[in-house]
């Protein structure tokens, strides 16, 4: 999915992300120091669209609200949903993230349509 966040000046920044649904919400993880995290701290407004792995949009954009998640139960719910959806690919991403010592610096995003 393509996740669009907004800069201070209103410019849209689109990023392809892995996502999974759980309990009527979408969950995304990213590097804790990424630009999208900084932009989400300023504004919870986002837009979503289906896209291919390279970020080429393949459908209509939808407005949504996103928030950074810090509570363990919500992170576990989002992580479990991503593991169900992506299987071995998510496990590999977790292992590589741990090896690079970035696992605990991830930021988790919950999106409400």
PDB file of N, CA and C in Angstrom:
ATOM      1  N   UNK A   1       0.848  -1.155   0.000  1.00  0.00           N
ATOM      2  CA  UNK A   1       0.000   0.000   0.000  1.00  0.00           C
ATOM      3  C   UNK A   1       0.901   1.226   0.000  1.00  0.00           C
ATOM      4  N   UNK A   2       0.430   2.281  -0.618  1.00  0.00           N
ATOM      5  CA  UNK A   2       1.144   3.553  -0.595  1.00  0.00           C
ATOM      6  C   UNK A   2       0.558   4.391   0.536  1.00  0.00           C
ATOM      7  N   UNK A   3       1.422   4.842   1.408  1.00  0.00           N
ATOM      8  CA  UNK A   3       1.027   5.678   2.535  1.00  0.00           C
ATOM      9  C   UNK A   3       1.547   7.082   2.275  1.00  0.00           C
ATOM     10  N   UNK A   4       0.637   8.033   2.231  1.00  0.00           N
ATOM     11  CA  UNK A   4       1.020   9.432   2.012  1.00  0.00           C
ATOM     12  C   UNK A   4       0.882  10.195   3.322  1.00  0.00           C
ATOM     13  N   UNK A   5       1.977  10.815   3.742  1.00  0.00           N
ATOM     14  CA  UNK A   5       1.980  11.698   4.903  1.00  0.00           C
ATOM     15  C   UNK A   5       2.265  13.102   4.396  1.00  0.00           C
ATOM     16  N   UNK A   6       2.136  14.088   5.272  1.00  0.00           N
ATOM     17  CA  UNK A   6       2.202  15.469   4.827  1.00  0.00           C
ATOM     18  C   UNK A   6       3.249  16.271   5.577  1.00  0.00           C
ATOM     19  N   UNK A   7       4.034  17.017   4.809  1.00  0.00           N
ATOM     20  CA  UNK A   7       5.031  17.928   5.376  1.00  0.00           C
ATOM     21  C   UNK A   7       4.343  19.144   5.969  1.00  0.00           C
ATOM     22  N   UNK A   8       5.113  19.954   6.699  1.00  0.00           N
ATOM     23  CA  UNK A   8       4.587  21.197   7.282  1.00  0.00           C
ATOM     24  C   UNK A   8       3.941  22.089   6.236  1.00  0.00           C
ATOM     25  N   UNK A   9       4.562  22.151   5.045  1.00  0.00           N
ATOM     26  CA  UNK A   9       4.049  23.042   3.996  1.00  0.00           C
ATOM     27  C   UNK A   9       2.880  22.424   3.227  1.00  0.00           C
ATOM     28  N   UNK A  10       2.439  21.218   3.645  1.00  0.00           N
ATOM     29  CA  UNK A  10       1.301  20.566   2.998  1.00  0.00           C
ATOM     30  C   UNK A  10       1.669  19.620   1.872  1.00  0.00           C
ATOM     31  N   UNK A  11       2.943  19.574   1.503  1.00  0.00           N
ATOM     32  CA  UNK A  11       3.379  18.679   0.426  1.00  0.00           C
ATOM     33  C   UNK A  11       3.213  17.227   0.863  1.00  0.00           C
ATOM     34  N   UNK A  12       2.721  16.430  -0.040  1.00  0.00           N
ATOM     35  CA  UNK A  12       2.474  15.018   0.221  1.00  0.00           C
ATOM     36  C   UNK A  12       3.729  14.192  -0.064  1.00  0.00           C
ATOM     37  N   UNK A  13       4.025  13.245   0.828  1.00  0.00           N
ATOM     38  CA  UNK A  13       5.163  12.336   0.642  1.00  0.00           C
ATOM     39  C   UNK A  13       4.608  10.917   0.639  1.00  0.00           C
ATOM     40  N   UNK A  14       4.747  10.227  -0.498  1.00  0.00           N
ATOM     41  CA  UNK A  14       4.192   8.883  -0.654  1.00  0.00           C
ATOM     42  C   UNK A  14       5.290   7.848  -0.436  1.00  0.00           C
ATOM     43  N   UNK A  15       4.946   6.787   0.302  1.00  0.00           N
ATOM     44  CA  UNK A  15       5.896   5.727   0.595  1.00  0.00           C
ATOM     45  C   UNK A  15       5.181   4.380   0.515  1.00  0.00           C
ATOM     46  N   UNK A  16       5.730   3.415  -0.227  1.00  0.00           N
ATOM     47  CA  UNK A  16       5.135   2.073  -0.195  1.00  0.00           C
ATOM     48  C   UNK A  16       5.498   1.394   1.126  1.00  0.00           C
ATOM     49  N   UNK A  17       4.514   0.770   1.764  1.00  0.00           N
ATOM     50  CA  UNK A  17       4.726   0.110   3.057  1.00  0.00           C
ATOM     51  C   UNK A  17       4.026  -1.237   3.095  1.00  0.00           C
ATOM     52  N   UNK A  18       4.533  -2.130   3.919  1.00  0.00           N
ATOM     53  CA  UNK A  18       3.816  -3.356   4.243  1.00  0.00           C
ATOM     54  C   UNK A  18       2.743  -2.982   5.247  1.00  0.00           C
ATOM     55  N   UNK A  19       1.589  -3.626   5.162  1.00  0.00           N
ATOM     56  CA  UNK A  19       0.513  -3.364   6.112  1.00  0.00           C
ATOM     57  C   UNK A  19      -0.259  -4.649   6.352  1.00  0.00           C
ATOM     58  N   UNK A  20      -0.995  -4.688   7.452  1.00  0.00           N
ATOM     59  CA  UNK A  20      -1.883  -5.803   7.746  1.00  0.00           C
ATOM     60  C   UNK A  20      -3.058  -5.266   8.548  1.00  0.00           C
ATOM     61  N   UNK A  21      -4.197  -5.915   8.400  1.00  0.00           N
ATOM     62  CA  UNK A  21      -5.412  -5.509   9.103  1.00  0.00           C
ATOM     63  C   UNK A  21      -5.641  -6.385  10.326  1.00  0.00           C
ATOM     64  N   UNK A  22      -6.130  -5.759  11.390  1.00  0.00           N
ATOM     65  CA  UNK A  22      -6.535  -6.466  12.606  1.00  0.00           C
ATOM     66  C   UNK A  22      -7.545  -5.598  13.337  1.00  0.00           C
ATOM     67  N   UNK A  23      -8.652  -6.187  13.702  1.00  0.00           N
ATOM     68  CA  UNK A  23      -9.675  -5.473  14.483  1.00  0.00           C
ATOM     69  C   UNK A  23     -10.128  -4.173  13.831  1.00  0.00           C
ATOM     70  N   UNK A  24     -10.255  -4.172  12.513  1.00  0.00           N
ATOM     71  CA  UNK A  24     -10.753  -3.000  11.809  1.00  0.00           C
ATOM     72  C   UNK A  24      -9.755  -1.872  11.634  1.00  0.00           C
ATOM     73  N   UNK A  25      -8.507  -2.114  11.953  1.00  0.00           N
ATOM     74  CA  UNK A  25      -7.440  -1.117  11.790  1.00  0.00           C
ATOM     75  C   UNK A  25      -6.346  -1.702  10.911  1.00  0.00           C
ATOM     76  N   UNK A  26      -5.543  -0.826  10.347  1.00  0.00           N
ATOM     77  CA  UNK A  26      -4.379  -1.247   9.583  1.00  0.00           C
ATOM     78  C   UNK A  26      -3.136  -0.952  10.407  1.00  0.00           C
ATOM     79  N   UNK A  27      -2.144  -1.826  10.305  1.00  0.00           N
ATOM     80  CA  UNK A  27      -0.902  -1.659  11.049  1.00  0.00           C
ATOM     81  C   UNK A  27       0.284  -1.656  10.104  1.00  0.00           C
ATOM     82  N   UNK A  28       1.227  -0.763  10.388  1.00  0.00           N
ATOM     83  CA  UNK A  28       2.435  -0.570   9.592  1.00  0.00           C
ATOM     84  C   UNK A  28       3.589  -0.401  10.570  1.00  0.00           C
ATOM     85  N   UNK A  29       4.762  -0.911  10.203  1.00  0.00           N
ATOM     86  CA  UNK A  29       5.955  -0.618  11.005  1.00  0.00           C
ATOM     87  C   UNK A  29       6.968   0.076  10.111  1.00  0.00           C
ATOM     88  N   UNK A  30       7.833   0.849  10.736  1.00  0.00           N
ATOM     89  CA  UNK A  30       8.852   1.595  10.006  1.00  0.00           C
ATOM     90  C   UNK A  30      10.001   1.905  10.955  1.00  0.00           C
ATOM     91  N   UNK A  31      11.074   2.399  10.412  1.00  0.00           N
ATOM     92  CA  UNK A  31      12.200   2.831  11.256  1.00  0.00           C
ATOM     93  C   UNK A  31      11.735   3.995  12.130  1.00  0.00           C
ATOM     94  N   UNK A  32      12.109   3.946  13.386  1.00  0.00           N
ATOM     95  CA  UNK A  32      11.671   4.968  14.335  1.00  0.00           C
ATOM     96  C   UNK A  32      12.110   6.374  13.998  1.00  0.00           C
ATOM     97  N   UNK A  33      13.195   6.501  13.236  1.00  0.00           N
ATOM     98  CA  UNK A  33      13.690   7.837  12.878  1.00  0.00           C
ATOM     99  C   UNK A  33      13.312   8.243  11.454  1.00  0.00           C
ATOM    100  N   UNK A  34      12.388   7.523  10.849  1.00  0.00           N
ATOM    101  CA  UNK A  34      12.022   7.807   9.456  1.00  0.00           C
ATOM    102  C   UNK A  34      11.251   9.124   9.326  1.00  0.00           C
ATOM    103  N   UNK A  35      11.244   9.641   8.126  1.00  0.00           N
ATOM    104  CA  UNK A  35      10.529  10.885   7.850  1.00  0.00           C
ATOM    105  C   UNK A  35       9.046  10.772   8.111  1.00  0.00           C
ATOM    106  N   UNK A  36       8.471   9.622   7.790  1.00  0.00           N
ATOM    107  CA  UNK A  36       7.023   9.484   7.989  1.00  0.00           C
ATOM    108  C   UNK A  36       6.656   9.568   9.462  1.00  0.00           C
ATOM    109  N   UNK A  37       7.539   9.091  10.343  1.00  0.00           N
ATOM    110  CA  UNK A  37       7.293   9.199  11.779  1.00  0.00           C
ATOM    111  C   UNK A  37       7.314  10.663  12.198  1.00  0.00           C
ATOM    112  N   UNK A  38       8.285  11.399  11.718  1.00  0.00           N
ATOM    113  CA  UNK A  38       8.365  12.830  12.037  1.00  0.00           C
ATOM    114  C   UNK A  38       7.128  13.574  11.542  1.00  0.00           C
ATOM    115  N   UNK A  39       6.697  13.230  10.322  1.00  0.00           N
ATOM    116  CA  UNK A  39       5.507  13.893   9.768  1.00  0.00           C
ATOM    117  C   UNK A  39       4.244  13.515  10.534  1.00  0.00           C
ATOM    118  N   UNK A  40       4.135  12.261  10.978  1.00  0.00           N
ATOM    119  CA  UNK A  40       2.957  11.831  11.742  1.00  0.00           C
ATOM    120  C   UNK A  40       2.897  12.483  13.119  1.00  0.00           C
ATOM    121  N   UNK A  41       4.035  12.842  13.663  1.00  0.00           N
ATOM    122  CA  UNK A  41       4.024  13.551  14.949  1.00  0.00           C
ATOM    123  C   UNK A  41       3.384  14.933  14.809  1.00  0.00           C
ATOM    124  N   UNK A  42       3.480  15.508  13.613  1.00  0.00           N
ATOM    125  CA  UNK A  42       2.891  16.828  13.351  1.00  0.00           C
ATOM    126  C   UNK A  42       1.429  16.735  12.963  1.00  0.00           C
ATOM    127  N   UNK A  43       1.091  15.716  12.175  1.00  0.00           N
ATOM    128  CA  UNK A  43      -0.279  15.610  11.665  1.00  0.00           C
ATOM    129  C   UNK A  43      -0.676  14.151  11.511  1.00  0.00           C
ATOM    130  N   UNK A  44      -1.846  13.804  11.976  1.00  0.00           N
ATOM    131  CA  UNK A  44      -2.341  12.434  11.883  1.00  0.00           C
ATOM    132  C   UNK A  44      -3.029  12.168  10.543  1.00  0.00           C
ATOM    133  N   UNK A  45      -3.135  13.178   9.725  1.00  0.00           N
ATOM    134  CA  UNK A  45      -3.791  13.038   8.419  1.00  0.00           C
ATOM    135  C   UNK A  45      -2.903  12.236   7.468  1.00  0.00           C
ATOM    136  N   UNK A  46      -3.480  11.187   6.858  1.00  0.00           N
ATOM    137  CA  UNK A  46      -2.769  10.392   5.856  1.00  0.00           C
ATOM    138  C   UNK A  46      -3.728  10.057   4.721  1.00  0.00           C
ATOM    139  N   UNK A  47      -3.149   9.587   3.633  1.00  0.00           N
ATOM    140  CA  UNK A  47      -3.935   9.033   2.532  1.00  0.00           C
ATOM    141  C   UNK A  47      -3.341   7.682   2.172  1.00  0.00           C
ATOM    142  N   UNK A  48      -4.197   6.765   1.707  1.00  0.00           N
ATOM    143  CA  UNK A  48      -3.785   5.405   1.382  1.00  0.00           C
ATOM    144  C   UNK A  48      -4.269   5.041  -0.009  1.00  0.00           C
ATOM    145  N   UNK A  49      -3.475   4.230  -0.686  1.00  0.00           N
ATOM    146  CA  UNK A  49      -3.884   3.703  -1.991  1.00  0.00           C
ATOM    147  C   UNK A  49      -3.172   2.371  -2.200  1.00  0.00           C
ATOM    148  N   UNK A  50      -3.825   1.448  -2.912  1.00  0.00           N
ATOM    149  CA  UNK A  50      -3.118   0.211  -3.259  1.00  0.00           C
ATOM    150  C   UNK A  50      -1.989   0.530  -4.227  1.00  0.00           C
ATOM    151  N   UNK A  51      -0.878  -0.192  -4.089  1.00  0.00           N
ATOM    152  CA  UNK A  51       0.254   0.035  -4.986  1.00  0.00           C
ATOM    153  C   UNK A  51       1.037  -1.259  -5.159  1.00  0.00           C
ATOM    154  N   UNK A  52       1.941  -1.247  -6.132  1.00  0.00           N
ATOM    155  CA  UNK A  52       2.818  -2.399  -6.306  1.00  0.00           C
ATOM    156  C   UNK A  52       4.046  -2.213  -5.407  1.00  0.00           C
ATOM    157  N   UNK A  53       4.963  -3.169  -5.453  1.00  0.00           N
ATOM    158  CA  UNK A  53       6.132  -3.139  -4.576  1.00  0.00           C
ATOM    159  C   UNK A  53       7.029  -1.929  -4.816  1.00  0.00           C
ATOM    160  N   UNK A  54       6.965  -1.349  -5.989  1.00  0.00           N
ATOM    161  CA  UNK A  54       7.780  -0.165  -6.295  1.00  0.00           C
ATOM    162  C   UNK A  54       7.071   1.146  -5.977  1.00  0.00           C
ATOM    163  N   UNK A  55       5.854   1.060  -5.472  1.00  0.00           N
ATOM    164  CA  UNK A  55       5.136   2.258  -5.083  1.00  0.00           C
ATOM    165  C   UNK A  55       4.246   2.845  -6.160  1.00  0.00           C
ATOM    166  N   UNK A  56       4.113   2.171  -7.300  1.00  0.00           N
ATOM    167  CA  UNK A  56       3.226   2.673  -8.359  1.00  0.00           C
ATOM    168  C   UNK A  56       1.781   2.439  -7.937  1.00  0.00           C
ATOM    169  N   UNK A  57       1.044   3.507  -7.802  1.00  0.00           N
ATOM    170  CA  UNK A  57      -0.333   3.446  -7.315  1.00  0.00           C
ATOM    171  C   UNK A  57      -1.206   2.710  -8.320  1.00  0.00           C
ATOM    172  N   UNK A  58      -2.029   1.787  -7.798  1.00  0.00           N
ATOM    173  CA  UNK A  58      -2.876   0.924  -8.626  1.00  0.00           C
ATOM    174  C   UNK A  58      -4.359   1.063  -8.303  1.00  0.00           C
ATOM    175  N   UNK A  59      -4.733   2.123  -7.614  1.00  0.00           N
ATOM    176  CA  UNK A  59      -6.134   2.299  -7.251  1.00  0.00           C
ATOM    177  C   UNK A  59      -6.402   3.692  -6.716  1.00  0.00           C
ATOM    178  N   UNK A  60      -7.574   3.847  -6.147  1.00  0.00           N
ATOM    179  CA  UNK A  60      -8.021   5.148  -5.638  1.00  0.00           C
ATOM    180  C   UNK A  60      -7.407   5.453  -4.265  1.00  0.00           C
ATOM    181  N   UNK A  61      -7.170   6.731  -4.036  1.00  0.00           N
ATOM    182  CA  UNK A  61      -6.691   7.206  -2.744  1.00  0.00           C
ATOM    183  C   UNK A  61      -7.856   7.324  -1.778  1.00  0.00           C
ATOM    184  N   UNK A  62      -7.596   7.020  -0.496  1.00  0.00           N
ATOM    185  CA  UNK A  62      -8.585   7.171   0.566  1.00  0.00           C
ATOM    186  C   UNK A  62      -7.964   7.958   1.704  1.00  0.00           C
ATOM    187  N   UNK A  63      -8.735   8.858   2.273  1.00  0.00           N
ATOM    188  CA  UNK A  63      -8.280   9.608   3.439  1.00  0.00           C
ATOM    189  C   UNK A  63      -8.391   8.732   4.683  1.00  0.00           C
ATOM    190  N   UNK A  64      -7.474   8.929   5.617  1.00  0.00           N
ATOM    191  CA  UNK A  64      -7.474   8.152   6.861  1.00  0.00           C
ATOM    192  C   UNK A  64      -6.782   8.956   7.958  1.00  0.00           C
ATOM    193  N   UNK A  65      -6.856   8.409   9.160  1.00  0.00           N
ATOM    194  CA  UNK A  65      -6.204   8.996  10.325  1.00  0.00           C
ATOM    195  C   UNK A  65      -5.210   7.963  10.845  1.00  0.00           C
ATOM    196  N   UNK A  66      -3.992   8.398  11.151  1.00  0.00           N
ATOM    197  CA  UNK A  66      -2.957   7.493  11.650  1.00  0.00           C
ATOM    198  C   UNK A  66      -2.411   8.015  12.966  1.00  0.00           C
ATOM    199  N   UNK A  67      -1.932   7.074  13.769  1.00  0.00           N
ATOM    200  CA  UNK A  67      -1.282   7.476  15.023  1.00  0.00           C
ATOM    201  C   UNK A  67      -0.126   6.540  15.291  1.00  0.00           C
ATOM    202  N   UNK A  68       0.885   7.078  15.945  1.00  0.00           N
ATOM    203  CA  UNK A  68       2.017   6.265  16.380  1.00  0.00           C
ATOM    204  C   UNK A  68       1.589   5.500  17.620  1.00  0.00           C
ATOM    205  N   UNK A  69       1.908   4.216  17.656  1.00  0.00           N
ATOM    206  CA  UNK A  69       1.481   3.340  18.738  1.00  0.00           C
ATOM    207  C   UNK A  69       2.683   3.019  19.627  1.00  0.00           C
ATOM    208  N   UNK A  70       2.481   3.094  20.931  1.00  0.00           N
ATOM    209  CA  UNK A  70       3.561   2.773  21.855  1.00  0.00           C
ATOM    210  C   UNK A  70       3.179   1.685  22.859  1.00  0.00           C
ATOM    211  N   UNK A  71       1.890   1.376  22.992  1.00  0.00           N
ATOM    212  CA  UNK A  71       1.508   0.369  23.981  1.00  0.00           C
ATOM    213  C   UNK A  71       1.755  -1.043  23.441  1.00  0.00           C
ATOM    214  N   UNK A  72       2.268  -1.884  24.299  1.00  0.00           N
ATOM    215  CA  UNK A  72       2.694  -3.222  23.918  1.00  0.00           C
ATOM    216  C   UNK A  72       1.602  -4.096  23.325  1.00  0.00           C
ATOM    217  N   UNK A  73       0.400  -4.046  23.864  1.00  0.00           N
ATOM    218  CA  UNK A  73      -0.685  -4.905  23.371  1.00  0.00           C
ATOM    219  C   UNK A  73      -1.039  -4.570  21.922  1.00  0.00           C
ATOM    220  N   UNK A  74      -1.095  -3.303  21.606  1.00  0.00           N
ATOM    221  CA  UNK A  74      -1.429  -2.894  20.236  1.00  0.00           C
ATOM    222  C   UNK A  74      -0.296  -3.254  19.280  1.00  0.00           C
ATOM    223  N   UNK A  75       0.935  -3.076  19.709  1.00  0.00           N
ATOM    224  CA  UNK A  75       2.084  -3.447  18.877  1.00  0.00           C
ATOM    225  C   UNK A  75       2.070  -4.951  18.613  1.00  0.00           C
ATOM    226  N   UNK A  76       1.804  -5.742  19.647  1.00  0.00           N
ATOM    227  CA  UNK A  76       1.750  -7.206  19.465  1.00  0.00           C
ATOM    228  C   UNK A  76       0.634  -7.598  18.496  1.00  0.00           C
ATOM    229  N   UNK A  77      -0.514  -6.936  18.580  1.00  0.00           N
ATOM    230  CA  UNK A  77      -1.633  -7.207  17.670  1.00  0.00           C
ATOM    231  C   UNK A  77      -1.243  -6.882  16.227  1.00  0.00           C
ATOM    232  N   UNK A  78      -0.617  -5.743  16.016  1.00  0.00           N
ATOM    233  CA  UNK A  78      -0.182  -5.354  14.679  1.00  0.00           C
ATOM    234  C   UNK A  78       0.907  -6.270  14.140  1.00  0.00           C
ATOM    235  N   UNK A  79       1.856  -6.630  14.995  1.00  0.00           N
ATOM    236  CA  UNK A  79       2.953  -7.504  14.587  1.00  0.00           C
ATOM    237  C   UNK A  79       2.423  -8.889  14.226  1.00  0.00           C
ATOM    238  N   UNK A  80       1.497  -9.410  15.014  1.00  0.00           N
ATOM    239  CA  UNK A  80       0.904 -10.717  14.722  1.00  0.00           C
ATOM    240  C   UNK A  80       0.160 -10.689  13.383  1.00  0.00           C
ATOM    241  N   UNK A  81      -0.544  -9.615  13.114  1.00  0.00           N
ATOM    242  CA  UNK A  81      -1.265  -9.487  11.837  1.00  0.00           C
ATOM    243  C   UNK A  81      -0.279  -9.469  10.662  1.00  0.00           C
ATOM    244  N   UNK A  82       0.828  -8.755  10.814  1.00  0.00           N
ATOM    245  CA  UNK A  82       1.848  -8.723   9.759  1.00  0.00           C
ATOM    246  C   UNK A  82       2.484 -10.102   9.573  1.00  0.00           C
ATOM    247  N   UNK A  83       2.716 -10.820  10.649  1.00  0.00           N
ATOM    248  CA  UNK A  83       3.296 -12.166  10.532  1.00  0.00           C
ATOM    249  C   UNK A  83       2.322 -13.123   9.846  1.00  0.00           C
ATOM    250  N   UNK A  84       1.034 -12.998  10.148  1.00  0.00           N
ATOM    251  CA  UNK A  84       0.042 -13.845   9.463  1.00  0.00           C
ATOM    252  C   UNK A  84       0.006 -13.538   7.974  1.00  0.00           C
ATOM    253  N   UNK A  85       0.084 -12.260   7.638  1.00  0.00           N
ATOM    254  CA  UNK A  85      -0.034 -11.867   6.237  1.00  0.00           C
ATOM    255  C   UNK A  85       1.231 -12.182   5.437  1.00  0.00           C
ATOM    256  N   UNK A  86       2.393 -11.846   5.972  1.00  0.00           N
ATOM    257  CA  UNK A  86       3.632 -11.957   5.220  1.00  0.00           C
ATOM    258  C   UNK A  86       4.453 -13.211   5.522  1.00  0.00           C
ATOM    259  N   UNK A  87       4.097 -13.943   6.570  1.00  0.00           N
ATOM    260  CA  UNK A  87       4.746 -15.210   6.879  1.00  0.00           C
ATOM    261  C   UNK A  87       6.257 -15.111   7.009  1.00  0.00           C
ATOM    262  N   UNK A  88       6.954 -15.971   6.248  1.00  0.00           N
ATOM    263  CA  UNK A  88       8.414 -16.052   6.345  1.00  0.00           C
ATOM    264  C   UNK A  88       9.094 -14.725   6.009  1.00  0.00           C
ATOM    265  N   UNK A  89       8.466 -13.893   5.170  1.00  0.00           N
ATOM    266  CA  UNK A  89       9.077 -12.612   4.819  1.00  0.00           C
ATOM    267  C   UNK A  89       9.142 -11.696   6.049  1.00  0.00           C
ATOM    268  N   UNK A  90       8.099 -11.713   6.864  1.00  0.00           N
ATOM    269  CA  UNK A  90       8.099 -10.896   8.079  1.00  0.00           C
ATOM    270  C   UNK A  90       9.088 -11.460   9.088  1.00  0.00           C
ATOM    271  N   UNK A  91       9.167 -12.775   9.180  1.00  0.00           N
ATOM    272  CA  UNK A  91      10.139 -13.400  10.079  1.00  0.00           C
ATOM    273  C   UNK A  91      11.553 -13.001   9.663  1.00  0.00           C
ATOM    274  N   UNK A  92      11.835 -13.047   8.365  1.00  0.00           N
ATOM    275  CA  UNK A  92      13.155 -12.642   7.861  1.00  0.00           C
ATOM    276  C   UNK A  92      13.424 -11.170   8.159  1.00  0.00           C
ATOM    277  N   UNK A  93      12.417 -10.320   7.974  1.00  0.00           N
ATOM    278  CA  UNK A  93      12.581  -8.888   8.277  1.00  0.00           C
ATOM    279  C   UNK A  93      12.886  -8.691   9.760  1.00  0.00           C
ATOM    280  N   UNK A  94      12.217  -9.469  10.619  1.00  0.00           N
ATOM    281  CA  UNK A  94      12.476  -9.377  12.065  1.00  0.00           C
ATOM    282  C   UNK A  94      13.905  -9.805  12.395  1.00  0.00           C
ATOM    283  N   UNK A  95      14.343 -10.910  11.815  1.00  0.00           N
ATOM    284  CA  UNK A  95      15.694 -11.411  12.086  1.00  0.00           C
ATOM    285  C   UNK A  95      16.736 -10.391  11.631  1.00  0.00           C
ATOM    286  N   UNK A  96      16.582  -9.886  10.424  1.00  0.00           N
ATOM    287  CA  UNK A  96      17.539  -8.895   9.918  1.00  0.00           C
ATOM    288  C   UNK A  96      17.522  -7.628  10.762  1.00  0.00           C
ATOM    289  N   UNK A  97      16.359  -7.223  11.198  1.00  0.00           N
ATOM    290  CA  UNK A  97      16.242  -6.037  12.036  1.00  0.00           C
ATOM    291  C   UNK A  97      16.936  -6.254  13.386  1.00  0.00           C
ATOM    292  N   UNK A  98      16.799  -7.444  13.925  1.00  0.00           N
ATOM    293  CA  UNK A  98      17.480  -7.752  15.195  1.00  0.00           C
ATOM    294  C   UNK A  98      18.995  -7.765  15.011  1.00  0.00           C
ATOM    295  N   UNK A  99      19.454  -8.390  13.917  1.00  0.00           N
ATOM    296  CA  UNK A  99      20.892  -8.435  13.649  1.00  0.00           C
ATOM    297  C   UNK A  99      21.478  -7.036  13.484  1.00  0.00           C
ATOM    298  N   UNK A 100      20.716  -6.139  12.887  1.00  0.00           N
ATOM    299  CA  UNK A 100      21.171  -4.763  12.685  1.00  0.00           C
ATOM    300  C   UNK A 100      20.912  -3.889  13.920  1.00  0.00           C
ATOM    301  N   UNK A 101      20.353  -4.500  14.959  1.00  0.00           N
ATOM    302  CA  UNK A 101      20.031  -3.799  16.208  1.00  0.00           C
ATOM    303  C   UNK A 101      19.061  -2.642  16.001  1.00  0.00           C
ATOM    304  N   UNK A 102      18.121  -2.859  15.124  1.00  0.00           N
ATOM    305  CA  UNK A 102      17.101  -1.833  14.858  1.00  0.00           C
ATOM    306  C   UNK A 102      15.708  -2.275  15.292  1.00  0.00           C
ATOM    307  N   UNK A 103      15.571  -3.516  15.701  1.00  0.00           N
ATOM    308  CA  UNK A 103      14.258  -4.078  16.024  1.00  0.00           C
ATOM    309  C   UNK A 103      13.521  -3.226  17.059  1.00  0.00           C
ATOM    310  N   UNK A 104      14.196  -2.850  18.114  1.00  0.00           N
ATOM    311  CA  UNK A 104      13.555  -2.097  19.202  1.00  0.00           C
ATOM    312  C   UNK A 104      13.435  -0.604  18.897  1.00  0.00           C
ATOM    313  N   UNK A 105      13.952  -0.187  17.757  1.00  0.00           N
ATOM    314  CA  UNK A 105      13.813   1.217  17.360  1.00  0.00           C
ATOM    315  C   UNK A 105      12.700   1.394  16.335  1.00  0.00           C
ATOM    316  N   UNK A 106      11.960   0.324  16.062  1.00  0.00           N
ATOM    317  CA  UNK A 106      10.852   0.431  15.117  1.00  0.00           C
ATOM    318  C   UNK A 106       9.762   1.332  15.677  1.00  0.00           C
ATOM    319  N   UNK A 107       9.070   1.967  14.767  1.00  0.00           N
ATOM    320  CA  UNK A 107       7.874   2.722  15.123  1.00  0.00           C
ATOM    321  C   UNK A 107       6.695   1.966  14.532  1.00  0.00           C
ATOM    322  N   UNK A 108       5.615   1.915  15.280  1.00  0.00           N
ATOM    323  CA  UNK A 108       4.405   1.221  14.841  1.00  0.00           C
ATOM    324  C   UNK A 108       3.308   2.243  14.612  1.00  0.00           C
ATOM    325  N   UNK A 109       2.615   2.079  13.507  1.00  0.00           N
ATOM    326  CA  UNK A 109       1.575   3.018  13.097  1.00  0.00           C
ATOM    327  C   UNK A 109       0.250   2.272  12.995  1.00  0.00           C
ATOM    328  N   UNK A 110      -0.779   2.847  13.605  1.00  0.00           N
ATOM    329  CA  UNK A 110      -2.137   2.309  13.509  1.00  0.00           C
ATOM    330  C   UNK A 110      -2.956   3.272  12.658  1.00  0.00           C
ATOM    331  N   UNK A 111      -3.649   2.730  11.666  1.00  0.00           N
ATOM    332  CA  UNK A 111      -4.400   3.572  10.738  1.00  0.00           C
ATOM    333  C   UNK A 111      -5.884   3.226  10.831  1.00  0.00           C
ATOM    334  N   UNK A 112      -6.685   4.264  10.957  1.00  0.00           N
ATOM    335  CA  UNK A 112      -8.139   4.107  10.994  1.00  0.00           C
ATOM    336  C   UNK A 112      -8.724   4.714   9.728  1.00  0.00           C
ATOM    337  N   UNK A 113      -9.437   3.900   8.979  1.00  0.00           N
ATOM    338  CA  UNK A 113     -10.062   4.390   7.732  1.00  0.00           C
ATOM    339  C   UNK A 113     -11.294   5.208   8.026  1.00  0.00           C
TER     340      UNK A 113
END
